[in-house]
PDB file of N, CA and C in Angstrom:
ATOM      1  N   GLN A   1       0.842  -1.185   0.000  1.00  0.00           N
ATOM      2  CA  GLN A   1       0.000   0.000   0.000  1.00  0.00           C
ATOM      3  C   GLN A   1       0.887   1.249   0.000  1.00  0.00           C
ATOM      4  N   VAL A   2       0.264   2.385  -0.295  1.00  0.00           N
ATOM      5  CA  VAL A   2       1.004   3.642  -0.335  1.00  0.00           C
ATOM      6  C   VAL A   2       1.442   4.029   1.075  1.00  0.00           C
ATOM      7  N   GLN A   3       2.716   4.363   1.195  1.00  0.00           N
ATOM      8  CA  GLN A   3       3.241   4.868   2.470  1.00  0.00           C
ATOM      9  C   GLN A   3       4.126   6.069   2.203  1.00  0.00           C
ATOM     10  N   LEU A   4       3.983   7.071   3.057  1.00  0.00           N
ATOM     11  CA  LEU A   4       4.814   8.266   3.014  1.00  0.00           C
ATOM     12  C   LEU A   4       5.353   8.485   4.423  1.00  0.00           C
ATOM     13  N   VAL A   5       6.670   8.555   4.551  1.00  0.00           N
ATOM     14  CA  VAL A   5       7.281   8.692   5.874  1.00  0.00           C
ATOM     15  C   VAL A   5       8.201   9.903   5.875  1.00  0.00           C
ATOM     16  N   GLU A   6       7.813  10.916   6.653  1.00  0.00           N
ATOM     17  CA  GLU A   6       8.599  12.147   6.737  1.00  0.00           C
ATOM     18  C   GLU A   6       9.624  12.053   7.866  1.00  0.00           C
ATOM     19  N   SER A   7      10.673  12.838   7.715  1.00  0.00           N
ATOM     20  CA  SER A   7      11.662  12.993   8.776  1.00  0.00           C
ATOM     21  C   SER A   7      12.369  14.327   8.589  1.00  0.00           C
ATOM     22  N   GLY A   8      13.093  14.742   9.625  1.00  0.00           N
ATOM     23  CA  GLY A   8      13.917  15.933   9.511  1.00  0.00           C
ATOM     24  C   GLY A   8      13.448  17.136  10.292  1.00  0.00           C
ATOM     25  N   GLY A   9      12.292  17.044  10.917  1.00  0.00           N
ATOM     26  CA  GLY A   9      11.800  18.179  11.688  1.00  0.00           C
ATOM     27  C   GLY A   9      12.624  18.407  12.943  1.00  0.00           C
ATOM     28  N   GLY A  10      12.334  19.524  13.611  1.00  0.00           N
ATOM     29  CA  GLY A  10      13.038  19.840  14.848  1.00  0.00           C
ATOM     30  C   GLY A  10      12.976  21.320  15.148  1.00  0.00           C
ATOM     31  N   LEU A  11      13.789  21.732  16.096  1.00  0.00           N
ATOM     32  CA  LEU A  11      13.861  23.129  16.519  1.00  0.00           C
ATOM     33  C   LEU A  11      14.970  23.831  15.744  1.00  0.00           C
ATOM     34  N   VAL A  12      14.637  24.965  15.159  1.00  0.00           N
ATOM     35  CA  VAL A  12      15.592  25.728  14.353  1.00  0.00           C
ATOM     36  C   VAL A  12      15.519  27.183  14.777  1.00  0.00           C
ATOM     37  N   GLN A  13      16.658  27.847  14.799  1.00  0.00           N
ATOM     38  CA  GLN A  13      16.667  29.272  15.121  1.00  0.00           C
ATOM     39  C   GLN A  13      16.232  30.085  13.912  1.00  0.00           C
ATOM     40  N   PRO A  14      15.638  31.235  14.135  1.00  0.00           N
ATOM     41  CA  PRO A  14      15.293  32.115  13.006  1.00  0.00           C
ATOM     42  C   PRO A  14      16.512  32.396  12.138  1.00  0.00           C
ATOM     43  N   GLY A  15      16.290  32.347  10.822  1.00  0.00           N
ATOM     44  CA  GLY A  15      17.388  32.522   9.884  1.00  0.00           C
ATOM     45  C   GLY A  15      18.115  31.245   9.538  1.00  0.00           C
ATOM     46  N   GLY A  16      17.802  30.175  10.248  1.00  0.00           N
ATOM     47  CA  GLY A  16      18.470  28.904  10.013  1.00  0.00           C
ATOM     48  C   GLY A  16      17.856  28.117   8.866  1.00  0.00           C
ATOM     49  N   SER A  17      18.399  26.935   8.653  1.00  0.00           N
ATOM     50  CA  SER A  17      17.959  26.055   7.576  1.00  0.00           C
ATOM     51  C   SER A  17      17.650  24.667   8.101  1.00  0.00           C
ATOM     52  N   ARG A  18      16.824  23.974   7.365  1.00  0.00           N
ATOM     53  CA  ARG A  18      16.448  22.595   7.716  1.00  0.00           C
ATOM     54  C   ARG A  18      16.006  21.918   6.444  1.00  0.00           C
ATOM     55  N   THR A  19      16.293  20.626   6.307  1.00  0.00           N
ATOM     56  CA  THR A  19      15.832  19.860   5.158  1.00  0.00           C
ATOM     57  C   THR A  19      14.953  18.710   5.629  1.00  0.00           C
ATOM     58  N   LEU A  20      13.747  18.660   5.102  1.00  0.00           N
ATOM     59  CA  LEU A  20      12.826  17.578   5.384  1.00  0.00           C
ATOM     60  C   LEU A  20      12.918  16.529   4.275  1.00  0.00           C
ATOM     61  N   SER A  21      12.686  15.283   4.654  1.00  0.00           N
ATOM     62  CA  SER A  21      12.683  14.179   3.697  1.00  0.00           C
ATOM     63  C   SER A  21      11.373  13.421   3.809  1.00  0.00           C
ATOM     64  N   CYS A  22      10.948  12.847   2.701  1.00  0.00           N
ATOM     65  CA  CYS A  22       9.755  12.002   2.677  1.00  0.00           C
ATOM     66  C   CYS A  22      10.052  10.809   1.776  1.00  0.00           C
ATOM     67  N   VAL A  23      10.096   9.640   2.386  1.00  0.00           N
ATOM     68  CA  VAL A  23      10.335   8.411   1.627  1.00  0.00           C
ATOM     69  C   VAL A  23       8.996   7.806   1.237  1.00  0.00           C
ATOM     70  N   ALA A  24       8.825   7.554  -0.049  1.00  0.00           N
ATOM     71  CA  ALA A  24       7.561   7.041  -0.579  1.00  0.00           C
ATOM     72  C   ALA A  24       7.698   5.583  -0.989  1.00  0.00           C
ATOM     73  N   SER A  25       6.615   4.841  -0.843  1.00  0.00           N
ATOM     74  CA  SER A  25       6.592   3.450  -1.280  1.00  0.00           C
ATOM     75  C   SER A  25       5.170   3.058  -1.645  1.00  0.00           C
ATOM     76  N   GLY A  26       5.048   1.988  -2.423  1.00  0.00           N
ATOM     77  CA  GLY A  26       3.729   1.458  -2.766  1.00  0.00           C
ATOM     78  C   GLY A  26       3.122   2.009  -4.037  1.00  0.00           C
ATOM     79  N   PHE A  27       3.861   2.853  -4.759  1.00  0.00           N
ATOM     80  CA  PHE A  27       3.364   3.374  -6.034  1.00  0.00           C
ATOM     81  C   PHE A  27       4.561   3.782  -6.884  1.00  0.00           C
ATOM     82  N   THR A  28       4.309   4.072  -8.163  1.00  0.00           N
ATOM     83  CA  THR A  28       5.384   4.462  -9.083  1.00  0.00           C
ATOM     84  C   THR A  28       5.720   5.919  -8.841  1.00  0.00           C
ATOM     85  N   PHE A  29       6.684   6.134  -7.984  1.00  0.00           N
ATOM     86  CA  PHE A  29       7.004   7.454  -7.447  1.00  0.00           C
ATOM     87  C   PHE A  29       7.246   8.487  -8.538  1.00  0.00           C
ATOM     88  N   SER A  30       7.962   8.103  -9.581  1.00  0.00           N
ATOM     89  CA  SER A  30       8.382   9.082 -10.590  1.00  0.00           C
ATOM     90  C   SER A  30       7.224   9.641 -11.401  1.00  0.00           C
ATOM     91  N   ARG A  31       6.077   9.005 -11.370  1.00  0.00           N
ATOM     92  CA  ARG A  31       4.961   9.415 -12.221  1.00  0.00           C
ATOM     93  C   ARG A  31       4.088  10.490 -11.604  1.00  0.00           C
ATOM     94  N   TYR A  32       4.163  10.648 -10.284  1.00  0.00           N
ATOM     95  CA  TYR A  32       3.167  11.466  -9.607  1.00  0.00           C
ATOM     96  C   TYR A  32       3.741  12.744  -9.020  1.00  0.00           C
ATOM     97  N   ARG A  33       2.914  13.786  -9.052  1.00  0.00           N
ATOM     98  CA  ARG A  33       3.229  15.021  -8.341  1.00  0.00           C
ATOM     99  C   ARG A  33       3.335  14.730  -6.861  1.00  0.00           C
ATOM    100  N   MET A  34       4.328  15.314  -6.234  1.00  0.00           N
ATOM    101  CA  MET A  34       4.500  15.230  -4.787  1.00  0.00           C
ATOM    102  C   MET A  34       4.400  16.627  -4.202  1.00  0.00           C
ATOM    103  N   ASN A  35       3.780  16.708  -3.044  1.00  0.00           N
ATOM    104  CA  ASN A  35       3.509  17.991  -2.417  1.00  0.00           C
ATOM    105  C   ASN A  35       3.989  18.001  -0.968  1.00  0.00           C
ATOM    106  N   TRP A  36       4.378  19.182  -0.501  1.00  0.00           N
ATOM    107  CA  TRP A  36       4.580  19.425   0.915  1.00  0.00           C
ATOM    108  C   TRP A  36       3.515  20.413   1.376  1.00  0.00           C
ATOM    109  N   TYR A  37       2.828  20.053   2.451  1.00  0.00           N
ATOM    110  CA  TYR A  37       1.854  20.909   3.100  1.00  0.00           C
ATOM    111  C   TYR A  37       2.363  21.241   4.498  1.00  0.00           C
ATOM    112  N   ARG A  38       1.753  22.248   5.098  1.00  0.00           N
ATOM    113  CA  ARG A  38       2.012  22.523   6.494  1.00  0.00           C
ATOM    114  C   ARG A  38       0.749  22.993   7.186  1.00  0.00           C
ATOM    115  N   GLN A  39       0.711  22.748   8.479  1.00  0.00           N
ATOM    116  CA  GLN A  39      -0.440  23.148   9.274  1.00  0.00           C
ATOM    117  C   GLN A  39       0.040  23.684  10.611  1.00  0.00           C
ATOM    118  N   ALA A  40      -0.256  24.941  10.852  1.00  0.00           N
ATOM    119  CA  ALA A  40       0.058  25.562  12.136  1.00  0.00           C
ATOM    120  C   ALA A  40      -1.151  25.417  13.063  1.00  0.00           C
ATOM    121  N   PRO A  41      -0.962  25.506  14.367  1.00  0.00           N
ATOM    122  CA  PRO A  41      -2.089  25.350  15.307  1.00  0.00           C
ATOM    123  C   PRO A  41      -3.215  26.326  14.981  1.00  0.00           C
ATOM    124  N   GLY A  42      -4.432  25.799  14.897  1.00  0.00           N
ATOM    125  CA  GLY A  42      -5.600  26.619  14.655  1.00  0.00           C
ATOM    126  C   GLY A  42      -5.762  27.081  13.219  1.00  0.00           C
ATOM    127  N   GLN A  43      -4.903  26.594  12.331  1.00  0.00           N
ATOM    128  CA  GLN A  43      -4.974  27.020  10.933  1.00  0.00           C
ATOM    129  C   GLN A  43      -5.216  25.819  10.021  1.00  0.00           C
ATOM    130  N   GLU A  44      -5.595  26.125   8.800  1.00  0.00           N
ATOM    131  CA  GLU A  44      -5.824  25.072   7.819  1.00  0.00           C
ATOM    132  C   GLU A  44      -4.500  24.525   7.304  1.00  0.00           C
ATOM    133  N   ARG A  45      -4.581  23.326   6.765  1.00  0.00           N
ATOM    134  CA  ARG A  45      -3.427  22.725   6.128  1.00  0.00           C
ATOM    135  C   ARG A  45      -3.293  23.297   4.712  1.00  0.00           C
ATOM    136  N   ASP A  46      -2.164  23.903   4.432  1.00  0.00           N
ATOM    137  CA  ASP A  46      -1.949  24.579   3.154  1.00  0.00           C
ATOM    138  C   ASP A  46      -0.735  23.996   2.449  1.00  0.00           C
ATOM    139  N   VAL A  47      -0.797  23.985   1.115  1.00  0.00           N
ATOM    140  CA  VAL A  47       0.342  23.517   0.340  1.00  0.00           C
ATOM    141  C   VAL A  47       1.423  24.592   0.328  1.00  0.00           C
ATOM    142  N   VAL A  48       2.673  24.170   0.480  1.00  0.00           N
ATOM    143  CA  VAL A  48       3.785  25.114   0.412  1.00  0.00           C
ATOM    144  C   VAL A  48       4.650  24.899  -0.813  1.00  0.00           C
ATOM    145  N   ALA A  49       4.722  23.654  -1.302  1.00  0.00           N
ATOM    146  CA  ALA A  49       5.560  23.377  -2.467  1.00  0.00           C
ATOM    147  C   ALA A  49       5.109  22.096  -3.142  1.00  0.00           C
ATOM    148  N   SER A  50       5.266  22.062  -4.471  1.00  0.00           N
ATOM    149  CA  SER A  50       4.901  20.886  -5.255  1.00  0.00           C
ATOM    150  C   SER A  50       5.954  20.642  -6.312  1.00  0.00           C
ATOM    151  N   ILE A  51       6.074  19.377  -6.704  1.00  0.00           N
ATOM    152  CA  ILE A  51       6.962  19.026  -7.811  1.00  0.00           C
ATOM    153  C   ILE A  51       6.256  17.971  -8.654  1.00  0.00           C
ATOM    154  N   THR A  52       6.166  18.225  -9.955  1.00  0.00           N
ATOM    155  CA  THR A  52       5.435  17.302 -10.817  1.00  0.00           C
ATOM    156  C   THR A  52       6.245  16.032 -11.065  1.00  0.00           C
ATOM    157  N   GLY A  53       5.534  14.994 -11.506  1.00  0.00           N
ATOM    158  CA  GLY A  53       6.215  13.778 -11.888  1.00  0.00           C
ATOM    159  C   GLY A  53       6.924  13.968 -13.218  1.00  0.00           C
ATOM    160  N   THR A  54       7.792  13.031 -13.536  1.00  0.00           N
ATOM    161  CA  THR A  54       8.527  12.962 -14.814  1.00  0.00           C
ATOM    162  C   THR A  54       9.413  14.188 -15.059  1.00  0.00           C
ATOM    163  N   VAL A  55       8.797  15.370 -15.321  1.00  0.00           N
ATOM    164  CA  VAL A  55       9.588  16.542 -15.689  1.00  0.00           C
ATOM    165  C   VAL A  55      10.136  17.267 -14.459  1.00  0.00           C
ATOM    166  N   GLY A  56       9.393  17.237 -13.369  1.00  0.00           N
ATOM    167  CA  GLY A  56       9.893  17.854 -12.143  1.00  0.00           C
ATOM    168  C   GLY A  56       9.727  19.359 -12.080  1.00  0.00           C
ATOM    169  N   ILE A  57       8.607  19.862 -12.601  1.00  0.00           N
ATOM    170  CA  ILE A  57       8.328  21.293 -12.507  1.00  0.00           C
ATOM    171  C   ILE A  57       7.892  21.607 -11.088  1.00  0.00           C
ATOM    172  N   THR A  58       8.417  22.704 -10.550  1.00  0.00           N
ATOM    173  CA  THR A  58       8.149  23.055  -9.153  1.00  0.00           C
ATOM    174  C   THR A  58       7.230  24.262  -9.039  1.00  0.00           C
ATOM    175  N   HIS A  59       6.477  24.292  -7.945  1.00  0.00           N
ATOM    176  CA  HIS A  59       5.605  25.413  -7.618  1.00  0.00           C
ATOM    177  C   HIS A  59       5.733  25.680  -6.130  1.00  0.00           C
ATOM    178  N   TYR A  60       5.622  26.968  -5.758  1.00  0.00           N
ATOM    179  CA  TYR A  60       5.769  27.348  -4.365  1.00  0.00           C
ATOM    180  C   TYR A  60       4.680  28.325  -3.955  1.00  0.00           C
ATOM    181  N   ALA A  61       4.289  28.241  -2.694  1.00  0.00           N
ATOM    182  CA  ALA A  61       3.435  29.274  -2.130  1.00  0.00           C
ATOM    183  C   ALA A  61       4.221  30.575  -2.054  1.00  0.00           C
ATOM    184  N   ASP A  62       3.509  31.686  -2.160  1.00  0.00           N
ATOM    185  CA  ASP A  62       4.176  32.989  -2.116  1.00  0.00           C
ATOM    186  C   ASP A  62       4.983  33.167  -0.825  1.00  0.00           C
ATOM    187  N   SER A  63       4.473  32.617   0.250  1.00  0.00           N
ATOM    188  CA  SER A  63       5.108  32.828   1.554  1.00  0.00           C
ATOM    189  C   SER A  63       6.482  32.158   1.673  1.00  0.00           C
ATOM    190  N   VAL A  64       6.775  31.196   0.800  1.00  0.00           N
ATOM    191  CA  VAL A  64       8.051  30.483   0.890  1.00  0.00           C
ATOM    192  C   VAL A  64       8.894  30.637  -0.374  1.00  0.00           C
ATOM    193  N   GLN A  65       8.339  31.295  -1.388  1.00  0.00           N
ATOM    194  CA  GLN A  65       9.073  31.483  -2.645  1.00  0.00           C
ATOM    195  C   GLN A  65      10.421  32.152  -2.384  1.00  0.00           C
ATOM    196  N   GLY A  66      11.469  31.568  -2.934  1.00  0.00           N
ATOM    197  CA  GLY A  66      12.804  32.129  -2.755  1.00  0.00           C
ATOM    198  C   GLY A  66      13.521  31.647  -1.502  1.00  0.00           C
ATOM    199  N   ARG A  67      12.799  30.951  -0.608  1.00  0.00           N
ATOM    200  CA  ARG A  67      13.432  30.444   0.624  1.00  0.00           C
ATOM    201  C   ARG A  67      13.433  28.917   0.672  1.00  0.00           C
ATOM    202  N   PHE A  68      12.399  28.286   0.124  1.00  0.00           N
ATOM    203  CA  PHE A  68      12.263  26.831   0.159  1.00  0.00           C
ATOM    204  C   PHE A  68      12.550  26.256  -1.218  1.00  0.00           C
ATOM    205  N   ILE A  69      13.103  25.050  -1.234  1.00  0.00           N
ATOM    206  CA  ILE A  69      13.367  24.330  -2.478  1.00  0.00           C
ATOM    207  C   ILE A  69      12.871  22.900  -2.346  1.00  0.00           C
ATOM    208  N   ILE A  70      12.000  22.497  -3.265  1.00  0.00           N
ATOM    209  CA  ILE A  70      11.523  21.120  -3.296  1.00  0.00           C
ATOM    210  C   ILE A  70      12.288  20.377  -4.383  1.00  0.00           C
ATOM    211  N   SER A  71      12.639  19.129  -4.091  1.00  0.00           N
ATOM    212  CA  SER A  71      13.352  18.306  -5.069  1.00  0.00           C
ATOM    213  C   SER A  71      12.975  16.849  -4.835  1.00  0.00           C
ATOM    214  N   ARG A  72      13.345  16.007  -5.796  1.00  0.00           N
ATOM    215  CA  ARG A  72      13.015  14.594  -5.651  1.00  0.00           C
ATOM    216  C   ARG A  72      14.157  13.747  -6.191  1.00  0.00           C
ATOM    217  N   ASP A  73      14.333  12.579  -5.592  1.00  0.00           N
ATOM    218  CA  ASP A  73      15.318  11.593  -6.021  1.00  0.00           C
ATOM    219  C   ASP A  73      14.536  10.329  -6.390  1.00  0.00           C
ATOM    220  N   THR A  74      14.453  10.055  -7.690  1.00  0.00           N
ATOM    221  CA  THR A  74      13.627   8.936  -8.129  1.00  0.00           C
ATOM    222  C   THR A  74      14.306   7.582  -7.909  1.00  0.00           C
ATOM    223  N   VAL A  75      15.593   7.597  -7.599  1.00  0.00           N
ATOM    224  CA  VAL A  75      16.271   6.347  -7.246  1.00  0.00           C
ATOM    225  C   VAL A  75      15.943   5.979  -5.805  1.00  0.00           C
ATOM    226  N   LYS A  76      15.935   6.981  -4.927  1.00  0.00           N
ATOM    227  CA  LYS A  76      15.656   6.745  -3.507  1.00  0.00           C
ATOM    228  C   LYS A  76      14.169   6.867  -3.183  1.00  0.00           C
ATOM    229  N   ASN A  77      13.337   7.202  -4.190  1.00  0.00           N
ATOM    230  CA  ASN A  77      11.894   7.412  -3.947  1.00  0.00           C
ATOM    231  C   ASN A  77      11.666   8.396  -2.802  1.00  0.00           C
ATOM    232  N   THR A  78      12.384   9.486  -2.864  1.00  0.00           N
ATOM    233  CA  THR A  78      12.348  10.460  -1.778  1.00  0.00           C
ATOM    234  C   THR A  78      12.128  11.863  -2.329  1.00  0.00           C
ATOM    235  N   VAL A  79      11.287  12.608  -1.647  1.00  0.00           N
ATOM    236  CA  VAL A  79      11.101  14.025  -1.957  1.00  0.00           C
ATOM    237  C   VAL A  79      11.623  14.836  -0.778  1.00  0.00           C
ATOM    238  N   TYR A  80      12.282  15.931  -1.091  1.00  0.00           N
ATOM    239  CA  TYR A  80      12.911  16.765  -0.077  1.00  0.00           C
ATOM    240  C   TYR A  80      12.289  18.156  -0.060  1.00  0.00           C
ATOM    241  N   LEU A  81      12.380  18.787   1.090  1.00  0.00           N
ATOM    242  CA  LEU A  81      12.030  20.197   1.191  1.00  0.00           C
ATOM    243  C   LEU A  81      13.166  20.880   1.946  1.00  0.00           C
ATOM    244  N   GLN A  82      13.962  21.628   1.201  1.00  0.00           N
ATOM    245  CA  GLN A  82      15.042  22.402   1.813  1.00  0.00           C
ATOM    246  C   GLN A  82      14.484  23.756   2.202  1.00  0.00           C
ATOM    247  N   MET A  83      14.590  24.077   3.468  1.00  0.00           N
ATOM    248  CA  MET A  83      14.006  25.310   3.996  1.00  0.00           C
ATOM    249  C   MET A  83      15.135  26.209   4.488  1.00  0.00           C
ATOM    250  N   ASN A  84      15.221  27.392   3.910  1.00  0.00           N
ATOM    251  CA  ASN A  84      16.271  28.350   4.251  1.00  0.00           C
ATOM    252  C   ASN A  84      15.664  29.617   4.828  1.00  0.00           C
ATOM    253  N   ASN A  85      16.482  30.363   5.534  1.00  0.00           N
ATOM    254  CA  ASN A  85      16.045  31.634   6.124  1.00  0.00           C
ATOM    255  C   ASN A  85      14.701  31.457   6.837  1.00  0.00           C
ATOM    256  N   LEU A  86      14.645  30.492   7.708  1.00  0.00           N
ATOM    257  CA  LEU A  86      13.392  30.168   8.387  1.00  0.00           C
ATOM    258  C   LEU A  86      12.955  31.291   9.307  1.00  0.00           C
ATOM    259  N   LYS A  87      11.628  31.459   9.375  1.00  0.00           N
ATOM    260  CA  LYS A  87      11.007  32.500  10.182  1.00  0.00           C
ATOM    261  C   LYS A  87      10.089  31.850  11.212  1.00  0.00           C
ATOM    262  N   PRO A  88       9.800  32.545  12.307  1.00  0.00           N
ATOM    263  CA  PRO A  88       8.891  31.971  13.299  1.00  0.00           C
ATOM    264  C   PRO A  88       7.545  31.562  12.692  1.00  0.00           C
ATOM    265  N   GLU A  89       7.089  32.282  11.698  1.00  0.00           N
ATOM    266  CA  GLU A  89       5.805  31.948  11.079  1.00  0.00           C
ATOM    267  C   GLU A  89       5.862  30.685  10.221  1.00  0.00           C
ATOM    268  N   ASP A  90       7.042  30.108  10.048  1.00  0.00           N
ATOM    269  CA  ASP A  90       7.166  28.818   9.366  1.00  0.00           C
ATOM    270  C   ASP A  90       6.910  27.649  10.323  1.00  0.00           C
ATOM    271  N   THR A  91       6.745  27.946  11.589  1.00  0.00           N
ATOM    272  CA  THR A  91       6.482  26.910  12.574  1.00  0.00           C
ATOM    273  C   THR A  91       5.168  26.202  12.257  1.00  0.00           C
ATOM    274  N   ALA A  92       5.238  24.888  12.124  1.00  0.00           N
ATOM    275  CA  ALA A  92       4.058  24.096  11.735  1.00  0.00           C
ATOM    276  C   ALA A  92       4.428  22.621  11.714  1.00  0.00           C
ATOM    277  N   VAL A  93       3.414  21.797  11.572  1.00  0.00           N
ATOM    278  CA  VAL A  93       3.637  20.397  11.225  1.00  0.00           C
ATOM    279  C   VAL A  93       3.654  20.315   9.697  1.00  0.00           C
ATOM    280  N   TYR A  94       4.697  19.717   9.171  1.00  0.00           N
ATOM    281  CA  TYR A  94       4.863  19.596   7.725  1.00  0.00           C
ATOM    282  C   TYR A  94       4.501  18.174   7.288  1.00  0.00           C
ATOM    283  N   TYR A  95       3.686  18.098   6.240  1.00  0.00           N
ATOM    284  CA  TYR A  95       3.188  16.821   5.741  1.00  0.00           C
ATOM    285  C   TYR A  95       3.589  16.612   4.290  1.00  0.00           C
ATOM    286  N   CYS A  96       3.963  15.411   3.993  1.00  0.00           N
ATOM    287  CA  CYS A  96       4.189  14.974   2.620  1.00  0.00           C
ATOM    288  C   CYS A  96       2.857  14.453   2.066  1.00  0.00           C
ATOM    289  N   ASN A  97       2.608  14.724   0.796  1.00  0.00           N
ATOM    290  CA  ASN A  97       1.325  14.355   0.188  1.00  0.00           C
ATOM    291  C   ASN A  97       1.528  13.861  -1.240  1.00  0.00           C
ATOM    292  N   ALA A  98       0.752  12.853  -1.594  1.00  0.00           N
ATOM    293  CA  ALA A  98       0.680  12.391  -2.973  1.00  0.00           C
ATOM    294  C   ALA A  98      -0.788  12.219  -3.337  1.00  0.00           C
ATOM    295  N   GLN A  99      -1.132  12.616  -4.539  1.00  0.00           N
ATOM    296  CA  GLN A  99      -2.492  12.462  -5.034  1.00  0.00           C
ATOM    297  C   GLN A  99      -2.450  11.427  -6.140  1.00  0.00           C
ATOM    298  N   ILE A 100      -3.032  10.270  -5.863  1.00  0.00           N
ATOM    299  CA  ILE A 100      -2.941   9.130  -6.764  1.00  0.00           C
ATOM    300  C   ILE A 100      -4.346   8.669  -7.118  1.00  0.00           C
ATOM    301  N   TRP A 101      -4.670   8.716  -8.421  1.00  0.00           N
ATOM    302  CA  TRP A 101      -6.000   8.320  -8.880  1.00  0.00           C
ATOM    303  C   TRP A 101      -7.102   8.993  -8.067  1.00  0.00           C
ATOM    304  N   GLY A 102      -6.934  10.282  -7.830  1.00  0.00           N
ATOM    305  CA  GLY A 102      -7.966  11.079  -7.178  1.00  0.00           C
ATOM    306  C   GLY A 102      -8.029  10.954  -5.671  1.00  0.00           C
ATOM    307  N   ARG A 103      -7.130  10.212  -5.089  1.00  0.00           N
ATOM    308  CA  ARG A 103      -7.132  10.034  -3.635  1.00  0.00           C
ATOM    309  C   ARG A 103      -5.874  10.665  -3.041  1.00  0.00           C
ATOM    310  N   ASP A 104      -6.067  11.313  -1.897  1.00  0.00           N
ATOM    311  CA  ASP A 104      -4.950  11.914  -1.177  1.00  0.00           C
ATOM    312  C   ASP A 104      -4.326  10.923  -0.198  1.00  0.00           C
ATOM    313  N   TYR A 105      -3.005  10.874  -0.233  1.00  0.00           N
ATOM    314  CA  TYR A 105      -2.247  10.088   0.739  1.00  0.00           C
ATOM    315  C   TYR A 105      -1.335  11.035   1.511  1.00  0.00           C
ATOM    316  N   TRP A 106      -1.224  10.787   2.821  1.00  0.00           N
ATOM    317  CA  TRP A 106      -0.473  11.680   3.699  1.00  0.00           C
ATOM    318  C   TRP A 106       0.522  10.891   4.545  1.00  0.00           C
ATOM    319  N   GLY A 107       1.620  11.563   4.844  1.00  0.00           N
ATOM    320  CA  GLY A 107       2.508  11.034   5.852  1.00  0.00           C
ATOM    321  C   GLY A 107       2.003  11.403   7.237  1.00  0.00           C
ATOM    322  N   GLN A 108       2.782  11.026   8.239  1.00  0.00           N
ATOM    323  CA  GLN A 108       2.364  11.266   9.623  1.00  0.00           C
ATOM    324  C   GLN A 108       2.674  12.686  10.080  1.00  0.00           C
ATOM    325  N   GLY A 109       3.485  13.398   9.319  1.00  0.00           N
ATOM    326  CA  GLY A 109       3.845  14.765   9.665  1.00  0.00           C
ATOM    327  C   GLY A 109       5.113  14.840  10.493  1.00  0.00           C
ATOM    328  N   THR A 110       5.812  15.970  10.354  1.00  0.00           N
ATOM    329  CA  THR A 110       6.995  16.223  11.152  1.00  0.00           C
ATOM    330  C   THR A 110       6.964  17.682  11.614  1.00  0.00           C
ATOM    331  N   GLN A 111       7.193  17.891  12.898  1.00  0.00           N
ATOM    332  CA  GLN A 111       7.077  19.216  13.481  1.00  0.00           C
ATOM    333  C   GLN A 111       8.341  20.029  13.214  1.00  0.00           C
ATOM    334  N   VAL A 112       8.150  21.252  12.727  1.00  0.00           N
ATOM    335  CA  VAL A 112       9.246  22.215  12.596  1.00  0.00           C
ATOM    336  C   VAL A 112       8.903  23.423  13.464  1.00  0.00           C
ATOM    337  N   THR A 113       9.776  23.745  14.370  1.00  0.00           N
ATOM    338  CA  THR A 113       9.589  24.887  15.253  1.00  0.00           C
ATOM    339  C   THR A 113      10.738  25.868  15.045  1.00  0.00           C
ATOM    340  N   VAL A 114      10.384  27.091  14.705  1.00  0.00           N
ATOM    341  CA  VAL A 114      11.395  28.128  14.479  1.00  0.00           C
ATOM    342  C   VAL A 114      11.319  29.110  15.644  1.00  0.00           C
ATOM    343  N   SER A 115      12.338  29.073  16.472  1.00  0.00           N
ATOM    344  CA  SER A 115      12.330  29.893  17.688  1.00  0.00           C
ATOM    345  C   SER A 115      13.751  30.066  18.195  1.00  0.00           C
ATOM    346  N   SER A 116      13.975  31.211  18.826  1.00  0.00           N
ATOM    347  CA  SER A 116      15.280  31.443  19.439  1.00  0.00           C
ATOM    348  C   SER A 116      15.249  31.049  20.915  1.00  0.00           C
TER     349      SER A 116
END
């Protein structure tokens, strides 16, 4: 079955960097768009970055454009989110997502806290 397992969260100081990883299994990873979402307490879960299958075209939310980089390794079946110049407002649980045949699949989430 489809599984998405995130890792890499933790406490980061403002201005710092962190890279999240999501290992995917149970589907043909290279064919599907992969997304990173985040959800802060009391807020909706919003997409922050996406990367299409095959060609690897990327899209970013305005709030992270120029600071975050999404990438994928089709040999390791892993999607990454490199986060730079982190701000306190980036604090959230980050989720890996795949949309396969009209169904959403989610990882368990990884907490990122940006604080001094």
